[in-house]
PDB file of N, CA and C in Angstrom:
ATOM      1  N   MET A   1     -30.175 -27.211   9.260  1.00  0.00           N
ATOM      2  CA  MET A   1     -31.054 -28.374   9.531  1.00  0.00           C
ATOM      3  C   MET A   1     -30.425 -29.846   9.615  1.00  0.00           C
ATOM      4  N   PRO A   2     -30.791 -30.607  10.550  1.00  0.00           N
ATOM      5  CA  PRO A   2     -30.126 -31.750  10.788  1.00  0.00           C
ATOM      6  C   PRO A   2     -30.298 -32.717   9.790  1.00  0.00           C
ATOM      7  N   GLY A   3     -29.178 -33.497   9.300  1.00  0.00           N
ATOM      8  CA  GLY A   3     -29.197 -34.595   8.362  1.00  0.00           C
ATOM      9  C   GLY A   3     -30.037 -35.604   8.485  1.00  0.00           C
ATOM     10  N   THR A   4     -29.861 -36.890   7.981  1.00  0.00           N
ATOM     11  CA  THR A   4     -30.482 -38.147   7.992  1.00  0.00           C
ATOM     12  C   THR A   4     -30.678 -38.509   9.745  1.00  0.00           C
ATOM     13  N   ARG A   5     -31.744 -38.996   9.886  1.00  0.00           N
ATOM     14  CA  ARG A   5     -32.034 -39.482  11.176  1.00  0.00           C
ATOM     15  C   ARG A   5     -32.118 -41.172  10.812  1.00  0.00           C
ATOM     16  N   THR A   6     -31.456 -41.961  11.909  1.00  0.00           N
ATOM     17  CA  THR A   6     -31.857 -43.168  11.688  1.00  0.00           C
ATOM     18  C   THR A   6     -32.257 -43.939  12.832  1.00  0.00           C
ATOM     19  N   VAL A   7     -32.998 -45.034  12.581  1.00  0.00           N
ATOM     20  CA  VAL A   7     -33.353 -46.005  13.665  1.00  0.00           C
ATOM     21  C   VAL A   7     -32.983 -47.265  13.386  1.00  0.00           C
ATOM     22  N   HIS A   8     -32.196 -47.938  13.995  1.00  0.00           N
ATOM     23  CA  HIS A   8     -31.631 -49.412  14.031  1.00  0.00           C
ATOM     24  C   HIS A   8     -32.512 -50.206  14.079  1.00  0.00           C
ATOM     25  N   TYR A   9     -32.604 -51.564  13.136  1.00  0.00           N
ATOM     26  CA  TYR A   9     -33.039 -52.850  13.610  1.00  0.00           C
ATOM     27  C   TYR A   9     -32.815 -53.297  15.011  1.00  0.00           C
ATOM     28  N   LYS A  10     -33.424 -53.964  15.476  1.00  0.00           N
ATOM     29  CA  LYS A  10     -33.168 -54.521  16.964  1.00  0.00           C
ATOM     30  C   LYS A  10     -32.047 -55.623  16.666  1.00  0.00           C
ATOM     31  N   ASN A  11     -32.312 -56.522  15.700  1.00  0.00           N
ATOM     32  CA  ASN A  11     -31.588 -57.631  15.667  1.00  0.00           C
ATOM     33  C   ASN A  11     -30.407 -57.822  14.385  1.00  0.00           C
ATOM     34  N   HIS A  12     -30.519 -56.767  13.702  1.00  0.00           N
ATOM     35  CA  HIS A  12     -29.582 -56.437  12.389  1.00  0.00           C
ATOM     36  C   HIS A  12     -29.153 -55.210  12.430  1.00  0.00           C
ATOM     37  N   SER A  13     -27.649 -55.253  12.875  1.00  0.00           N
ATOM     38  CA  SER A  13     -27.029 -54.086  13.056  1.00  0.00           C
ATOM     39  C   SER A  13     -26.791 -53.311  11.860  1.00  0.00           C
ATOM     40  N   ALA A  14     -26.818 -53.932  10.762  1.00  0.00           N
ATOM     41  CA  ALA A  14     -26.558 -53.208   9.503  1.00  0.00           C
ATOM     42  C   ALA A  14     -27.801 -52.757   8.867  1.00  0.00           C
ATOM     43  N   SER A  15     -28.961 -52.944   9.404  1.00  0.00           N
ATOM     44  CA  SER A  15     -30.343 -52.472   8.790  1.00  0.00           C
ATOM     45  C   SER A  15     -30.957 -51.342   9.712  1.00  0.00           C
ATOM     46  N   MET A  16     -31.555 -50.338   9.010  1.00  0.00           N
ATOM     47  CA  MET A  16     -32.046 -49.190   9.667  1.00  0.00           C
ATOM     48  C   MET A  16     -33.164 -48.702   8.820  1.00  0.00           C
ATOM     49  N   ILE A  17     -33.868 -48.028   9.522  1.00  0.00           N
ATOM     50  CA  ILE A  17     -34.898 -46.991   8.791  1.00  0.00           C
ATOM     51  C   ILE A  17     -34.239 -45.824   8.975  1.00  0.00           C
ATOM     52  N   CYS A  18     -34.123 -45.123   7.796  1.00  0.00           N
ATOM     53  CA  CYS A  18     -33.682 -43.639   7.332  1.00  0.00           C
ATOM     54  C   CYS A  18     -34.754 -42.636   7.143  1.00  0.00           C
ATOM     55  N   LEU A  19     -34.761 -41.616   8.000  1.00  0.00           N
ATOM     56  CA  LEU A  19     -35.434 -40.311   7.667  1.00  0.00           C
ATOM     57  C   LEU A  19     -34.665 -39.126   7.247  1.00  0.00           C
ATOM     58  N   LYS A  20     -35.437 -38.394   6.307  1.00  0.00           N
ATOM     59  CA  LYS A  20     -34.531 -37.069   5.975  1.00  0.00           C
ATOM     60  C   LYS A  20     -35.626 -36.304   5.294  1.00  0.00           C
ATOM     61  N   ARG A  21     -35.730 -35.038   5.744  1.00  0.00           N
ATOM     62  CA  ARG A  21     -36.403 -33.967   4.777  1.00  0.00           C
ATOM     63  C   ARG A  21     -35.757 -33.517   3.566  1.00  0.00           C
ATOM     64  N   LEU A  22     -36.607 -33.459   2.587  1.00  0.00           N
ATOM     65  CA  LEU A  22     -36.126 -33.013   1.386  1.00  0.00           C
ATOM     66  C   LEU A  22     -36.843 -31.821   0.924  1.00  0.00           C
ATOM     67  N   ARG A  23     -36.081 -30.746   0.515  1.00  0.00           N
ATOM     68  CA  ARG A  23     -36.696 -29.576  -0.083  1.00  0.00           C
ATOM     69  C   ARG A  23     -36.872 -29.668  -1.385  1.00  0.00           C
ATOM     70  N   LYS A  24     -38.184 -29.608  -1.937  1.00  0.00           N
ATOM     71  CA  LYS A  24     -38.612 -29.554  -3.176  1.00  0.00           C
ATOM     72  C   LYS A  24     -37.950 -30.431  -4.092  1.00  0.00           C
ATOM     73  N   PRO A  25     -38.172 -31.756  -3.789  1.00  0.00           N
ATOM     74  CA  PRO A  25     -37.295 -32.741  -4.550  1.00  0.00           C
ATOM     75  C   PRO A  25     -37.667 -32.916  -5.876  1.00  0.00           C
ATOM     76  N   TYR A  26     -38.934 -32.372  -6.393  1.00  0.00           N
ATOM     77  CA  TYR A  26     -39.356 -32.594  -7.774  1.00  0.00           C
ATOM     78  C   TYR A  26     -39.258 -31.166  -8.651  1.00  0.00           C
ATOM     79  N   GLY A  27     -38.596 -30.363  -8.075  1.00  0.00           N
ATOM     80  CA  GLY A  27     -38.289 -29.135  -8.691  1.00  0.00           C
ATOM     81  C   GLY A  27     -39.120 -27.932  -8.055  1.00  0.00           C
ATOM     82  N   PRO A  28     -38.976 -26.582  -8.537  1.00  0.00           N
ATOM     83  CA  PRO A  28     -39.302 -25.463  -7.650  1.00  0.00           C
ATOM     84  C   PRO A  28     -40.697 -25.425  -7.489  1.00  0.00           C
ATOM     85  N   ASP A  29     -41.681 -26.019  -8.003  1.00  0.00           N
ATOM     86  CA  ASP A  29     -42.884 -25.912  -7.841  1.00  0.00           C
ATOM     87  C   ASP A  29     -43.402 -27.140  -6.951  1.00  0.00           C
ATOM     88  N   SER A  30     -42.537 -28.115  -6.571  1.00  0.00           N
ATOM     89  CA  SER A  30     -43.171 -29.175  -5.816  1.00  0.00           C
ATOM     90  C   SER A  30     -42.962 -28.743  -4.119  1.00  0.00           C
ATOM     91  N   GLY A  31     -43.650 -29.621  -3.450  1.00  0.00           N
ATOM     92  CA  GLY A  31     -43.672 -29.256  -1.928  1.00  0.00           C
ATOM     93  C   GLY A  31     -42.237 -30.058  -1.342  1.00  0.00           C
ATOM     94  N   ASP A  32     -42.063 -29.854  -0.250  1.00  0.00           N
ATOM     95  CA  ASP A  32     -40.996 -30.478   0.969  1.00  0.00           C
ATOM     96  C   ASP A  32     -41.702 -32.102   1.192  1.00  0.00           C
ATOM     97  N   VAL A  33     -40.730 -32.929   1.184  1.00  0.00           N
ATOM     98  CA  VAL A  33     -41.379 -34.244   1.668  1.00  0.00           C
ATOM     99  C   VAL A  33     -40.470 -34.771   2.754  1.00  0.00           C
ATOM    100  N   VAL A  34     -40.925 -35.699   3.350  1.00  0.00           N
ATOM    101  CA  VAL A  34     -39.971 -36.560   4.428  1.00  0.00           C
ATOM    102  C   VAL A  34     -39.796 -37.872   3.772  1.00  0.00           C
ATOM    103  N   SER A  35     -38.452 -38.097   3.411  1.00  0.00           N
ATOM    104  CA  SER A  35     -38.034 -39.454   2.714  1.00  0.00           C
ATOM    105  C   SER A  35     -37.914 -40.428   3.763  1.00  0.00           C
ATOM    106  N   VAL A  36     -38.487 -41.462   3.739  1.00  0.00           N
ATOM    107  CA  VAL A  36     -38.601 -42.549   4.713  1.00  0.00           C
ATOM    108  C   VAL A  36     -37.976 -43.907   4.018  1.00  0.00           C
ATOM    109  N   GLY A  37     -36.890 -44.287   4.230  1.00  0.00           N
ATOM    110  CA  GLY A  37     -36.182 -45.258   3.607  1.00  0.00           C
ATOM    111  C   GLY A  37     -35.895 -46.409   4.458  1.00  0.00           C
ATOM    112  N   CYS A  38     -35.359 -47.691   3.769  1.00  0.00           N
ATOM    113  CA  CYS A  38     -34.712 -48.727   4.671  1.00  0.00           C
ATOM    114  C   CYS A  38     -33.451 -49.118   4.055  1.00  0.00           C
ATOM    115  N   SER A  39     -32.475 -48.940   4.945  1.00  0.00           N
ATOM    116  CA  SER A  39     -30.975 -49.386   4.428  1.00  0.00           C
ATOM    117  C   SER A  39     -30.855 -50.871   5.003  1.00  0.00           C
ATOM    118  N   LEU A  40     -30.338 -51.755   4.317  1.00  0.00           N
ATOM    119  CA  LEU A  40     -30.087 -52.976   4.677  1.00  0.00           C
ATOM    120  C   LEU A  40     -28.510 -53.269   4.669  1.00  0.00           C
ATOM    121  N   LYS A  41     -27.659 -52.295   4.256  1.00  0.00           N
ATOM    122  CA  LYS A  41     -26.440 -52.296   4.142  1.00  0.00           C
ATOM    123  C   LYS A  41     -25.556 -51.176   4.806  1.00  0.00           C
ATOM    124  N   ASN A  42     -26.206 -50.805   5.829  1.00  0.00           N
ATOM    125  CA  ASN A  42     -25.502 -49.856   6.745  1.00  0.00           C
ATOM    126  C   ASN A  42     -25.145 -48.527   6.083  1.00  0.00           C
ATOM    127  N   ASN A  43     -26.007 -48.097   5.107  1.00  0.00           N
ATOM    128  CA  ASN A  43     -25.732 -46.794   4.452  1.00  0.00           C
ATOM    129  C   ASN A  43     -26.984 -45.781   4.161  1.00  0.00           C
ATOM    130  N   PRO A  44     -27.369 -45.075   5.327  1.00  0.00           N
ATOM    131  CA  PRO A  44     -28.443 -44.402   5.405  1.00  0.00           C
ATOM    132  C   PRO A  44     -28.534 -43.237   4.401  1.00  0.00           C
ATOM    133  N   GLU A  45     -27.585 -43.126   3.561  1.00  0.00           N
ATOM    134  CA  GLU A  45     -27.718 -42.006   2.475  1.00  0.00           C
ATOM    135  C   GLU A  45     -28.196 -42.497   1.058  1.00  0.00           C
ATOM    136  N   ASN A  46     -28.201 -43.989   1.187  1.00  0.00           N
ATOM    137  CA  ASN A  46     -28.376 -44.621  -0.045  1.00  0.00           C
ATOM    138  C   ASN A  46     -29.519 -45.814   0.276  1.00  0.00           C
ATOM    139  N   PRO A  47     -30.576 -45.688   0.816  1.00  0.00           N
ATOM    140  CA  PRO A  47     -31.248 -46.657   1.233  1.00  0.00           C
ATOM    141  C   PRO A  47     -31.833 -47.612   0.201  1.00  0.00           C
ATOM    142  N   THR A  48     -32.028 -48.839   0.615  1.00  0.00           N
ATOM    143  CA  THR A  48     -32.497 -49.913  -0.264  1.00  0.00           C
ATOM    144  C   THR A  48     -33.843 -49.616  -1.177  1.00  0.00           C
ATOM    145  N   TRP A  49     -34.718 -49.238  -0.173  1.00  0.00           N
ATOM    146  CA  TRP A  49     -35.927 -48.762  -0.708  1.00  0.00           C
ATOM    147  C   TRP A  49     -36.414 -47.309  -0.073  1.00  0.00           C
ATOM    148  N   LYS A  50     -37.258 -46.594  -0.709  1.00  0.00           N
ATOM    149  CA  LYS A  50     -37.714 -45.374  -0.072  1.00  0.00           C
ATOM    150  C   LYS A  50     -39.071 -44.911  -0.451  1.00  0.00           C
ATOM    151  N   VAL A  51     -39.847 -43.998   0.279  1.00  0.00           N
ATOM    152  CA  VAL A  51     -40.988 -43.608  -0.062  1.00  0.00           C
ATOM    153  C   VAL A  51     -40.886 -41.947   0.092  1.00  0.00           C
ATOM    154  N   HIS A  52     -41.599 -41.236  -0.546  1.00  0.00           N
ATOM    155  CA  HIS A  52     -41.639 -39.758   0.019  1.00  0.00           C
ATOM    156  C   HIS A  52     -42.871 -39.473   0.361  1.00  0.00           C
ATOM    157  N   VAL A  53     -43.129 -38.820   1.503  1.00  0.00           N
ATOM    158  CA  VAL A  53     -44.243 -38.544   2.112  1.00  0.00           C
ATOM    159  C   VAL A  53     -44.601 -36.927   2.039  1.00  0.00           C
ATOM    160  N   PRO A  54     -45.471 -36.351   1.435  1.00  0.00           N
ATOM    161  CA  PRO A  54     -45.332 -34.938   1.554  1.00  0.00           C
ATOM    162  C   PRO A  54     -45.631 -34.336   3.067  1.00  0.00           C
ATOM    163  N   VAL A  55     -45.042 -33.400   3.363  1.00  0.00           N
ATOM    164  CA  VAL A  55     -45.017 -32.888   4.849  1.00  0.00           C
ATOM    165  C   VAL A  55     -46.471 -32.582   5.111  1.00  0.00           C
ATOM    166  N   GLU A  56     -47.382 -32.171   4.461  1.00  0.00           N
ATOM    167  CA  GLU A  56     -48.720 -31.840   5.239  1.00  0.00           C
ATOM    168  C   GLU A  56     -49.394 -33.219   5.337  1.00  0.00           C
ATOM    169  N   LEU A  57     -48.879 -34.451   5.017  1.00  0.00           N
ATOM    170  CA  LEU A  57     -49.616 -35.769   5.235  1.00  0.00           C
ATOM    171  C   LEU A  57     -48.658 -36.406   6.310  1.00  0.00           C
ATOM    172  N   VAL A  58     -47.583 -36.024   6.798  1.00  0.00           N
ATOM    173  CA  VAL A  58     -46.744 -36.698   7.808  1.00  0.00           C
ATOM    174  C   VAL A  58     -47.621 -37.059   8.985  1.00  0.00           C
ATOM    175  N   SER A  59     -48.146 -36.066   9.574  1.00  0.00           N
ATOM    176  CA  SER A  59     -49.037 -36.279  10.898  1.00  0.00           C
ATOM    177  C   SER A  59     -50.021 -37.409  10.762  1.00  0.00           C
ATOM    178  N   LYS A  60     -50.777 -37.252   9.699  1.00  0.00           N
ATOM    179  CA  LYS A  60     -51.795 -38.220   9.292  1.00  0.00           C
ATOM    180  C   LYS A  60     -51.263 -39.675   9.225  1.00  0.00           C
ATOM    181  N   VAL A  61     -50.050 -39.664   8.437  1.00  0.00           N
ATOM    182  CA  VAL A  61     -49.666 -41.044   8.327  1.00  0.00           C
ATOM    183  C   VAL A  61     -48.857 -41.522   9.556  1.00  0.00           C
ATOM    184  N   CYS A  62     -48.385 -40.741  10.408  1.00  0.00           N
ATOM    185  CA  CYS A  62     -47.861 -41.118  11.848  1.00  0.00           C
ATOM    186  C   CYS A  62     -48.836 -41.464  12.524  1.00  0.00           C
ATOM    187  N   ASP A  63     -50.073 -41.083  12.443  1.00  0.00           N
ATOM    188  CA  ASP A  63     -51.322 -41.311  13.326  1.00  0.00           C
ATOM    189  C   ASP A  63     -51.725 -42.868  12.954  1.00  0.00           C
ATOM    190  N   HIS A  64     -51.789 -42.847  11.709  1.00  0.00           N
ATOM    191  CA  HIS A  64     -52.236 -44.360  11.037  1.00  0.00           C
ATOM    192  C   HIS A  64     -51.086 -45.371  11.423  1.00  0.00           C
ATOM    193  N   MET A  65     -50.056 -45.140  11.302  1.00  0.00           N
ATOM    194  CA  MET A  65     -48.993 -46.079  11.834  1.00  0.00           C
ATOM    195  C   MET A  65     -49.068 -46.491  13.344  1.00  0.00           C
ATOM    196  N   LEU A  66     -49.250 -45.390  14.146  1.00  0.00           N
ATOM    197  CA  LEU A  66     -49.344 -45.607  15.524  1.00  0.00           C
ATOM    198  C   LEU A  66     -50.765 -46.656  15.812  1.00  0.00           C
ATOM    199  N   GLU A  67     -51.638 -46.046  15.054  1.00  0.00           N
ATOM    200  CA  GLU A  67     -52.780 -47.128  15.399  1.00  0.00           C
ATOM    201  C   GLU A  67     -52.572 -48.540  14.938  1.00  0.00           C
ATOM    202  N   LEU A  68     -52.152 -48.642  13.818  1.00  0.00           N
ATOM    203  CA  LEU A  68     -51.747 -50.027  13.073  1.00  0.00           C
ATOM    204  C   LEU A  68     -50.721 -50.782  14.214  1.00  0.00           C
ATOM    205  N   ALA A  69     -49.714 -50.126  14.769  1.00  0.00           N
ATOM    206  CA  ALA A  69     -48.845 -50.752  15.402  1.00  0.00           C
ATOM    207  C   ALA A  69     -49.369 -51.037  16.842  1.00  0.00           C
ATOM    208  N   GLU A  70     -50.594 -50.228  17.495  1.00  0.00           N
ATOM    209  CA  GLU A  70     -51.076 -50.847  18.618  1.00  0.00           C
ATOM    210  C   GLU A  70     -52.315 -51.776  18.501  1.00  0.00           C
ATOM    211  N   LYS A  71     -52.658 -52.046  17.220  1.00  0.00           N
ATOM    212  CA  LYS A  71     -53.694 -52.776  17.092  1.00  0.00           C
ATOM    213  C   LYS A  71     -53.525 -54.115  17.264  1.00  0.00           C
ATOM    214  N   GLU A  72     -54.325 -55.141  17.906  1.00  0.00           N
ATOM    215  CA  GLU A  72     -53.840 -56.566  17.926  1.00  0.00           C
ATOM    216  C   GLU A  72     -54.269 -57.132  16.252  1.00  0.00           C
ATOM    217  N   GLU A  73     -53.451 -58.117  16.223  1.00  0.00           N
ATOM    218  CA  GLU A  73     -53.468 -58.778  14.897  1.00  0.00           C
ATOM    219  C   GLU A  73     -54.789 -59.536  14.853  1.00  0.00           C
ATOM    220  N   GLU A  74     -55.679 -59.357  13.783  1.00  0.00           N
ATOM    221  CA  GLU A  74     -56.975 -59.932  13.581  1.00  0.00           C
ATOM    222  C   GLU A  74     -56.490 -61.291  12.985  1.00  0.00           C
ATOM    223  N   PRO A  75     -57.440 -62.174  13.426  1.00  0.00           N
ATOM    224  CA  PRO A  75     -57.212 -63.665  12.786  1.00  0.00           C
ATOM    225  C   PRO A  75     -57.733 -63.416  11.199  1.00  0.00           C
ATOM    226  N   PRO A  76     -57.431 -64.193  10.311  1.00  0.00           N
ATOM    227  CA  PRO A  76     -57.726 -64.230   8.848  1.00  0.00           C
ATOM    228  C   PRO A  76     -59.179 -64.613   8.769  1.00  0.00           C
ATOM    229  N   PRO A  77     -59.968 -64.151   7.967  1.00  0.00           N
ATOM    230  CA  PRO A  77     -61.191 -64.447   7.707  1.00  0.00           C
ATOM    231  C   PRO A  77     -61.497 -65.901   7.245  1.00  0.00           C
ATOM    232  N   GLU A  78     -62.485 -66.508   7.873  1.00  0.00           N
ATOM    233  CA  GLU A  78     -62.767 -67.981   7.654  1.00  0.00           C
ATOM    234  C   GLU A  78     -63.202 -68.043   6.322  1.00  0.00           C
ATOM    235  N   ARG A  79     -62.773 -69.263   5.763  1.00  0.00           N
ATOM    236  CA  ARG A  79     -62.946 -69.544   4.254  1.00  0.00           C
ATOM    237  C   ARG A  79     -64.267 -70.881   4.338  1.00  0.00           C
ATOM    238  N   VAL A  80     -65.139 -70.507   3.243  1.00  0.00           N
ATOM    239  CA  VAL A  80     -66.006 -71.666   3.233  1.00  0.00           C
ATOM    240  C   VAL A  80     -66.303 -72.115   1.736  1.00  0.00           C
ATOM    241  N   VAL A  81     -66.238 -73.300   1.422  1.00  0.00           N
ATOM    242  CA  VAL A  81     -66.405 -73.974   0.326  1.00  0.00           C
ATOM    243  C   VAL A  81     -67.976 -74.073   0.008  1.00  0.00           C
ATOM    244  N   SER A  82     -68.467 -73.483  -1.095  1.00  0.00           N
ATOM    245  CA  SER A  82     -69.887 -73.780  -1.335  1.00  0.00           C
ATOM    246  C   SER A  82     -69.976 -75.083  -1.800  1.00  0.00           C
ATOM    247  N   GLU A  83     -71.549 -75.398  -1.501  1.00  0.00           N
ATOM    248  CA  GLU A  83     -72.023 -76.669  -2.254  1.00  0.00           C
ATOM    249  C   GLU A  83     -72.298 -76.906  -3.672  1.00  0.00           C
ATOM    250  N   SER A  84     -71.963 -75.758  -4.306  1.00  0.00           N
ATOM    251  CA  SER A  84     -72.424 -75.999  -5.742  1.00  0.00           C
ATOM    252  C   SER A  84     -71.206 -76.660  -6.369  1.00  0.00           C
ATOM    253  N   PRO A  85     -71.711 -77.221  -7.587  1.00  0.00           N
ATOM    254  CA  PRO A  85     -70.775 -77.954  -8.189  1.00  0.00           C
ATOM    255  C   PRO A  85     -69.367 -77.123  -9.056  1.00  0.00           C
ATOM    256  N   PHE A  86     -69.548 -75.816  -8.785  1.00  0.00           N
ATOM    257  CA  PHE A  86     -68.646 -74.967  -9.418  1.00  0.00           C
ATOM    258  C   PHE A  86     -67.479 -74.630  -8.517  1.00  0.00           C
ATOM    259  N   TYR A  87     -67.680 -75.073  -6.915  1.00  0.00           N
ATOM    260  CA  TYR A  87     -66.730 -75.155  -6.106  1.00  0.00           C
ATOM    261  C   TYR A  87     -66.308 -73.463  -5.787  1.00  0.00           C
ATOM    262  N   HIS A  88     -67.095 -72.572  -5.833  1.00  0.00           N
ATOM    263  CA  HIS A  88     -66.612 -71.219  -5.557  1.00  0.00           C
ATOM    264  C   HIS A  88     -66.368 -71.169  -4.111  1.00  0.00           C
ATOM    265  N   ASP A  89     -65.287 -70.374  -3.700  1.00  0.00           N
ATOM    266  CA  ASP A  89     -64.960 -70.003  -2.389  1.00  0.00           C
ATOM    267  C   ASP A  89     -65.608 -68.688  -2.036  1.00  0.00           C
ATOM    268  N   PHE A  90     -65.872 -68.450  -0.793  1.00  0.00           N
ATOM    269  CA  PHE A  90     -66.572 -67.096  -0.337  1.00  0.00           C
ATOM    270  C   PHE A  90     -65.871 -66.759   0.953  1.00  0.00           C
ATOM    271  N   LEU A  91     -65.631 -65.703   1.132  1.00  0.00           N
ATOM    272  CA  LEU A  91     -64.975 -65.131   2.166  1.00  0.00           C
ATOM    273  C   LEU A  91     -66.425 -64.612   3.090  1.00  0.00           C
ATOM    274  N   LEU A  92     -66.334 -65.141   4.480  1.00  0.00           N
ATOM    275  CA  LEU A  92     -67.413 -64.587   5.416  1.00  0.00           C
ATOM    276  C   LEU A  92     -67.120 -63.341   5.972  1.00  0.00           C
TER     277      LEU A  92
END
């Protein structure tokens, strides 16, 4: 099986997204995961942070990531200050 896959940041040569499949990382009864990490110091084997995605959820997570990447940014909700003397803010 291939080792770590990396995707380098466009404007930061030492920063990258690191991807690696891990077999049963939590013991013999655990399932495989895809480890997704971020290295800020050009070290894909020891990322600064990481998250483990169970292999059975990878496709759905990728679908949602693509959906979010393609979605136009929504404007923030409008805030209205009530007329009450308690000055509660409400989101519309």
